[in-house]
Amino acid sequence: MRQRLFQREEFASIQEIQAGTSKLLKGAESRGSFIRVLKSSKPIGVLMPNSTFDSLTEDLLALSSPAYLTNIKKARTERKRYSARDVKKILGISK
Protein backbone atom coordinates (compact mmCIF):
# COMPACT_ATOMS: atom_id res chain seq x y z
CA MET A 1 0.00 0.00 0.00
CA ARG A 2 2.78 2.42 0.92
CA GLN A 3 4.58 2.23 -2.43
CA ARG A 4 1.37 2.61 -4.44
CA LEU A 5 0.25 5.50 -2.24
CA PHE A 6 3.46 7.46 -2.69
CA GLN A 7 3.47 6.94 -6.44
CA ARG A 8 0.36 9.13 -6.43
CA GLU A 9 2.02 11.94 -4.49
CA GLU A 10 2.14 15.41 -6.03
CA PHE A 11 3.59 18.64 -4.67
CA ALA A 12 2.26 22.21 -4.47
CA SER A 13 3.40 25.36 -2.72
CA ILE A 14 1.19 27.30 -0.36
CA GLN A 15 0.83 29.95 -3.05
CA GLU A 16 -0.46 27.34 -5.54
CA ILE A 17 -2.91 26.03 -2.94
CA GLN A 18 -4.18 29.54 -2.18
CA ALA A 19 -4.55 30.34 -5.87
CA GLY A 20 -6.60 27.29 -6.80
CA THR A 21 -7.50 24.77 -4.12
CA SER A 22 -10.62 23.50 -5.89
CA LYS A 23 -8.80 23.04 -9.20
CA LEU A 24 -5.92 21.21 -7.51
CA LEU A 25 -8.30 18.92 -5.64
CA LYS A 26 -10.33 18.12 -8.76
CA GLY A 27 -7.14 17.30 -10.66
CA ALA A 28 -5.83 15.16 -7.84
CA GLU A 29 -9.12 13.28 -7.63
CA SER A 30 -9.15 12.57 -11.38
CA ARG A 31 -5.59 11.20 -11.16
CA GLY A 32 -6.19 9.34 -7.89
CA SER A 33 -3.47 11.31 -6.15
CA PHE A 34 -2.92 13.60 -3.18
CA ILE A 35 -0.94 16.80 -2.75
CA ARG A 36 1.93 17.39 -0.35
CA VAL A 37 1.87 21.08 0.62
CA LEU A 38 5.27 22.80 0.72
CA LYS A 39 6.42 26.02 2.35
CA SER A 40 9.91 27.13 1.37
CA SER A 41 10.40 23.69 -0.22
CA LYS A 42 9.66 21.93 3.09
CA PRO A 43 6.58 19.71 3.57
CA ILE A 44 4.06 21.16 6.02
CA GLY A 45 0.91 19.19 5.30
CA VAL A 46 -1.17 17.10 2.93
CA LEU A 47 -4.21 18.02 0.87
CA MET A 48 -6.31 15.18 -0.50
CA PRO A 49 -9.68 14.73 -2.16
CA ASN A 50 -12.40 13.36 0.07
CA SER A 51 -12.57 10.13 -1.97
CA THR A 52 -8.87 9.49 -1.29
CA PHE A 53 -9.37 10.18 2.41
CA ASP A 54 -12.37 7.81 2.54
CA SER A 55 -10.37 5.06 0.80
CA LEU A 56 -7.40 5.54 3.12
CA THR A 57 -9.63 5.52 6.20
CA GLU A 58 -11.35 2.34 5.02
CA ASP A 59 -7.99 0.63 4.51
CA LEU A 60 -6.75 1.69 7.95
CA LEU A 61 -9.93 0.46 9.62
CA ALA A 62 -9.69 -2.89 7.85
CA LEU A 63 -6.03 -3.30 8.77
CA SER A 64 -6.80 -2.54 12.43
CA SER A 65 -9.29 -5.44 12.56
CA PRO A 66 -7.84 -8.65 14.02
CA ALA A 67 -10.49 -10.73 12.22
CA TYR A 68 -9.60 -9.14 8.88
CA LEU A 69 -5.90 -9.80 9.40
CA THR A 70 -6.64 -13.40 10.40
CA ASN A 71 -8.65 -13.91 7.21
CA ILE A 72 -5.80 -12.52 5.11
CA LYS A 73 -3.28 -14.82 6.83
CA LYS A 74 -5.58 -17.81 6.27
CA ALA A 75 -6.12 -16.96 2.61
CA ARG A 76 -2.37 -16.69 2.05
CA THR A 77 -1.80 -20.21 3.39
CA GLU A 78 -4.44 -21.90 1.23
CA ARG A 79 -2.98 -24.19 -1.38
CA LYS A 80 -5.35 -23.27 -4.18
CA ARG A 81 -3.62 -20.82 -6.52
CA TYR A 82 -4.94 -19.30 -9.71
CA SER A 83 -2.97 -18.05 -12.66
CA ALA A 84 -3.93 -14.81 -14.38
CA ARG A 85 -5.31 -16.90 -17.26
CA ASP A 86 -7.52 -18.91 -14.86
CA VAL A 87 -8.85 -15.74 -13.23
CA LYS A 88 -9.70 -14.27 -16.64
CA LYS A 89 -11.56 -17.48 -17.56
CA ILE A 90 -13.49 -17.46 -14.28
CA LEU A 91 -14.45 -13.81 -14.78
CA GLY A 92 -15.30 -14.40 -18.44
CA ILE A 93 -12.79 -11.87 -19.76
CA SER A 94 -10.38 -14.19 -21.57
CA LYS A 95 -9.74 -13.60 -25.26
C-alpha atoms as a PDB file:
ATOM      1  CA  MET A   1       0.000   0.000   0.000  1.00  0.00           C
ATOM      2  CA  ARG A   2       2.784   2.418   0.916  1.00  0.00           C
ATOM      3  CA  GLN A   3       4.583   2.225  -2.426  1.00  0.00           C
ATOM      4  CA  ARG A   4       1.372   2.608  -4.435  1.00  0.00           C
ATOM      5  CA  LEU A   5       0.255   5.504  -2.238  1.00  0.00           C
ATOM      6  CA  PHE A   6       3.462   7.456  -2.688  1.00  0.00           C
ATOM      7  CA  GLN A   7       3.472   6.939  -6.442  1.00  0.00           C
ATOM      8  CA  ARG A   8       0.364   9.131  -6.427  1.00  0.00           C
ATOM      9  CA  GLU A   9       2.021  11.937  -4.488  1.00  0.00           C
ATOM     10  CA  GLU A  10       2.137  15.410  -6.032  1.00  0.00           C
ATOM     11  CA  PHE A  11       3.590  18.638  -4.671  1.00  0.00           C
ATOM     12  CA  ALA A  12       2.258  22.209  -4.470  1.00  0.00           C
ATOM     13  CA  SER A  13       3.402  25.362  -2.724  1.00  0.00           C
ATOM     14  CA  ILE A  14       1.188  27.301  -0.357  1.00  0.00           C
ATOM     15  CA  GLN A  15       0.832  29.952  -3.055  1.00  0.00           C
ATOM     16  CA  GLU A  16      -0.463  27.343  -5.537  1.00  0.00           C
ATOM     17  CA  ILE A  17      -2.913  26.033  -2.939  1.00  0.00           C
ATOM     18  CA  GLN A  18      -4.178  29.537  -2.176  1.00  0.00           C
ATOM     19  CA  ALA A  19      -4.552  30.337  -5.869  1.00  0.00           C
ATOM     20  CA  GLY A  20      -6.602  27.290  -6.796  1.00  0.00           C
ATOM     21  CA  THR A  21      -7.502  24.772  -4.117  1.00  0.00           C
ATOM     22  CA  SER A  22     -10.622  23.499  -5.894  1.00  0.00           C
ATOM     23  CA  LYS A  23      -8.797  23.036  -9.195  1.00  0.00           C
ATOM     24  CA  LEU A  24      -5.916  21.212  -7.508  1.00  0.00           C
ATOM     25  CA  LEU A  25      -8.304  18.915  -5.636  1.00  0.00           C
ATOM     26  CA  LYS A  26     -10.329  18.116  -8.761  1.00  0.00           C
ATOM     27  CA  GLY A  27      -7.141  17.304 -10.659  1.00  0.00           C
ATOM     28  CA  ALA A  28      -5.829  15.157  -7.835  1.00  0.00           C
ATOM     29  CA  GLU A  29      -9.122  13.284  -7.634  1.00  0.00           C
ATOM     30  CA  SER A  30      -9.151  12.567 -11.378  1.00  0.00           C
ATOM     31  CA  ARG A  31      -5.589  11.201 -11.156  1.00  0.00           C
ATOM     32  CA  GLY A  32      -6.191   9.339  -7.891  1.00  0.00           C
ATOM     33  CA  SER A  33      -3.468  11.308  -6.150  1.00  0.00           C
ATOM     34  CA  PHE A  34      -2.923  13.599  -3.177  1.00  0.00           C
ATOM     35  CA  ILE A  35      -0.940  16.803  -2.750  1.00  0.00           C
ATOM     36  CA  ARG A  36       1.928  17.393  -0.347  1.00  0.00           C
ATOM     37  CA  VAL A  37       1.875  21.083   0.624  1.00  0.00           C
ATOM     38  CA  LEU A  38       5.270  22.802   0.720  1.00  0.00           C
ATOM     39  CA  LYS A  39       6.418  26.018   2.353  1.00  0.00           C
ATOM     40  CA  SER A  40       9.908  27.130   1.371  1.00  0.00           C
ATOM     41  CA  SER A  41      10.404  23.693  -0.217  1.00  0.00           C
ATOM     42  CA  LYS A  42       9.658  21.925   3.091  1.00  0.00           C
ATOM     43  CA  PRO A  43       6.585  19.713   3.573  1.00  0.00           C
ATOM     44  CA  ILE A  44       4.057  21.155   6.017  1.00  0.00           C
ATOM     45  CA  GLY A  45       0.911  19.192   5.295  1.00  0.00           C
ATOM     46  CA  VAL A  46      -1.173  17.100   2.934  1.00  0.00           C
ATOM     47  CA  LEU A  47      -4.209  18.022   0.868  1.00  0.00           C
ATOM     48  CA  MET A  48      -6.305  15.184  -0.496  1.00  0.00           C
ATOM     49  CA  PRO A  49      -9.678  14.733  -2.161  1.00  0.00           C
ATOM     50  CA  ASN A  50     -12.403  13.358   0.071  1.00  0.00           C
ATOM     51  CA  SER A  51     -12.574  10.132  -1.965  1.00  0.00           C
ATOM     52  CA  THR A  52      -8.873   9.494  -1.291  1.00  0.00           C
ATOM     53  CA  PHE A  53      -9.367  10.185   2.412  1.00  0.00           C
ATOM     54  CA  ASP A  54     -12.368   7.809   2.536  1.00  0.00           C
ATOM     55  CA  SER A  55     -10.372   5.061   0.804  1.00  0.00           C
ATOM     56  CA  LEU A  56      -7.396   5.542   3.120  1.00  0.00           C
ATOM     57  CA  THR A  57      -9.634   5.525   6.197  1.00  0.00           C
ATOM     58  CA  GLU A  58     -11.352   2.338   5.021  1.00  0.00           C
ATOM     59  CA  ASP A  59      -7.987   0.632   4.506  1.00  0.00           C
ATOM     60  CA  LEU A  60      -6.746   1.693   7.946  1.00  0.00           C
ATOM     61  CA  LEU A  61      -9.927   0.463   9.624  1.00  0.00           C
ATOM     62  CA  ALA A  62      -9.688  -2.887   7.846  1.00  0.00           C
ATOM     63  CA  LEU A  63      -6.033  -3.302   8.772  1.00  0.00           C
ATOM     64  CA  SER A  64      -6.795  -2.543  12.426  1.00  0.00           C
ATOM     65  CA  SER A  65      -9.291  -5.435  12.557  1.00  0.00           C
ATOM     66  CA  PRO A  66      -7.837  -8.652  14.021  1.00  0.00           C
ATOM     67  CA  ALA A  67     -10.491 -10.729  12.224  1.00  0.00           C
ATOM     68  CA  TYR A  68      -9.605  -9.140   8.878  1.00  0.00           C
ATOM     69  CA  LEU A  69      -5.900  -9.796   9.402  1.00  0.00           C
ATOM     70  CA  THR A  70      -6.643 -13.404  10.403  1.00  0.00           C
ATOM     71  CA  ASN A  71      -8.653 -13.912   7.212  1.00  0.00           C
ATOM     72  CA  ILE A  72      -5.795 -12.522   5.110  1.00  0.00           C
ATOM     73  CA  LYS A  73      -3.285 -14.821   6.826  1.00  0.00           C
ATOM     74  CA  LYS A  74      -5.583 -17.807   6.273  1.00  0.00           C
ATOM     75  CA  ALA A  75      -6.121 -16.961   2.609  1.00  0.00           C
ATOM     76  CA  ARG A  76      -2.371 -16.686   2.048  1.00  0.00           C
ATOM     77  CA  THR A  77      -1.803 -20.206   3.388  1.00  0.00           C
ATOM     78  CA  GLU A  78      -4.443 -21.897   1.226  1.00  0.00           C
ATOM     79  CA  ARG A  79      -2.979 -24.188  -1.375  1.00  0.00           C
ATOM     80  CA  LYS A  80      -5.345 -23.267  -4.183  1.00  0.00           C
ATOM     81  CA  ARG A  81      -3.621 -20.823  -6.516  1.00  0.00           C
ATOM     82  CA  TYR A  82      -4.938 -19.302  -9.714  1.00  0.00           C
ATOM     83  CA  SER A  83      -2.971 -18.047 -12.665  1.00  0.00           C
ATOM     84  CA  ALA A  84      -3.929 -14.808 -14.383  1.00  0.00           C
ATOM     85  CA  ARG A  85      -5.313 -16.899 -17.263  1.00  0.00           C
ATOM     86  CA  ASP A  86      -7.518 -18.906 -14.859  1.00  0.00           C
ATOM     87  CA  VAL A  87      -8.849 -15.743 -13.227  1.00  0.00           C
ATOM     88  CA  LYS A  88      -9.703 -14.268 -16.635  1.00  0.00           C
ATOM     89  CA  LYS A  89     -11.559 -17.477 -17.559  1.00  0.00           C
ATOM     90  CA  ILE A  90     -13.490 -17.460 -14.278  1.00  0.00           C
ATOM     91  CA  LEU A  91     -14.447 -13.807 -14.777  1.00  0.00           C
ATOM     92  CA  GLY A  92     -15.295 -14.400 -18.445  1.00  0.00           C
ATOM     93  CA  ILE A  93     -12.794 -11.871 -19.757  1.00  0.00           C
ATOM     94  CA  SER A  94     -10.377 -14.186 -21.565  1.00  0.00           C
ATOM     95  CA  LYS A  95      -9.741 -13.596 -25.257  1.00  0.00           C
END
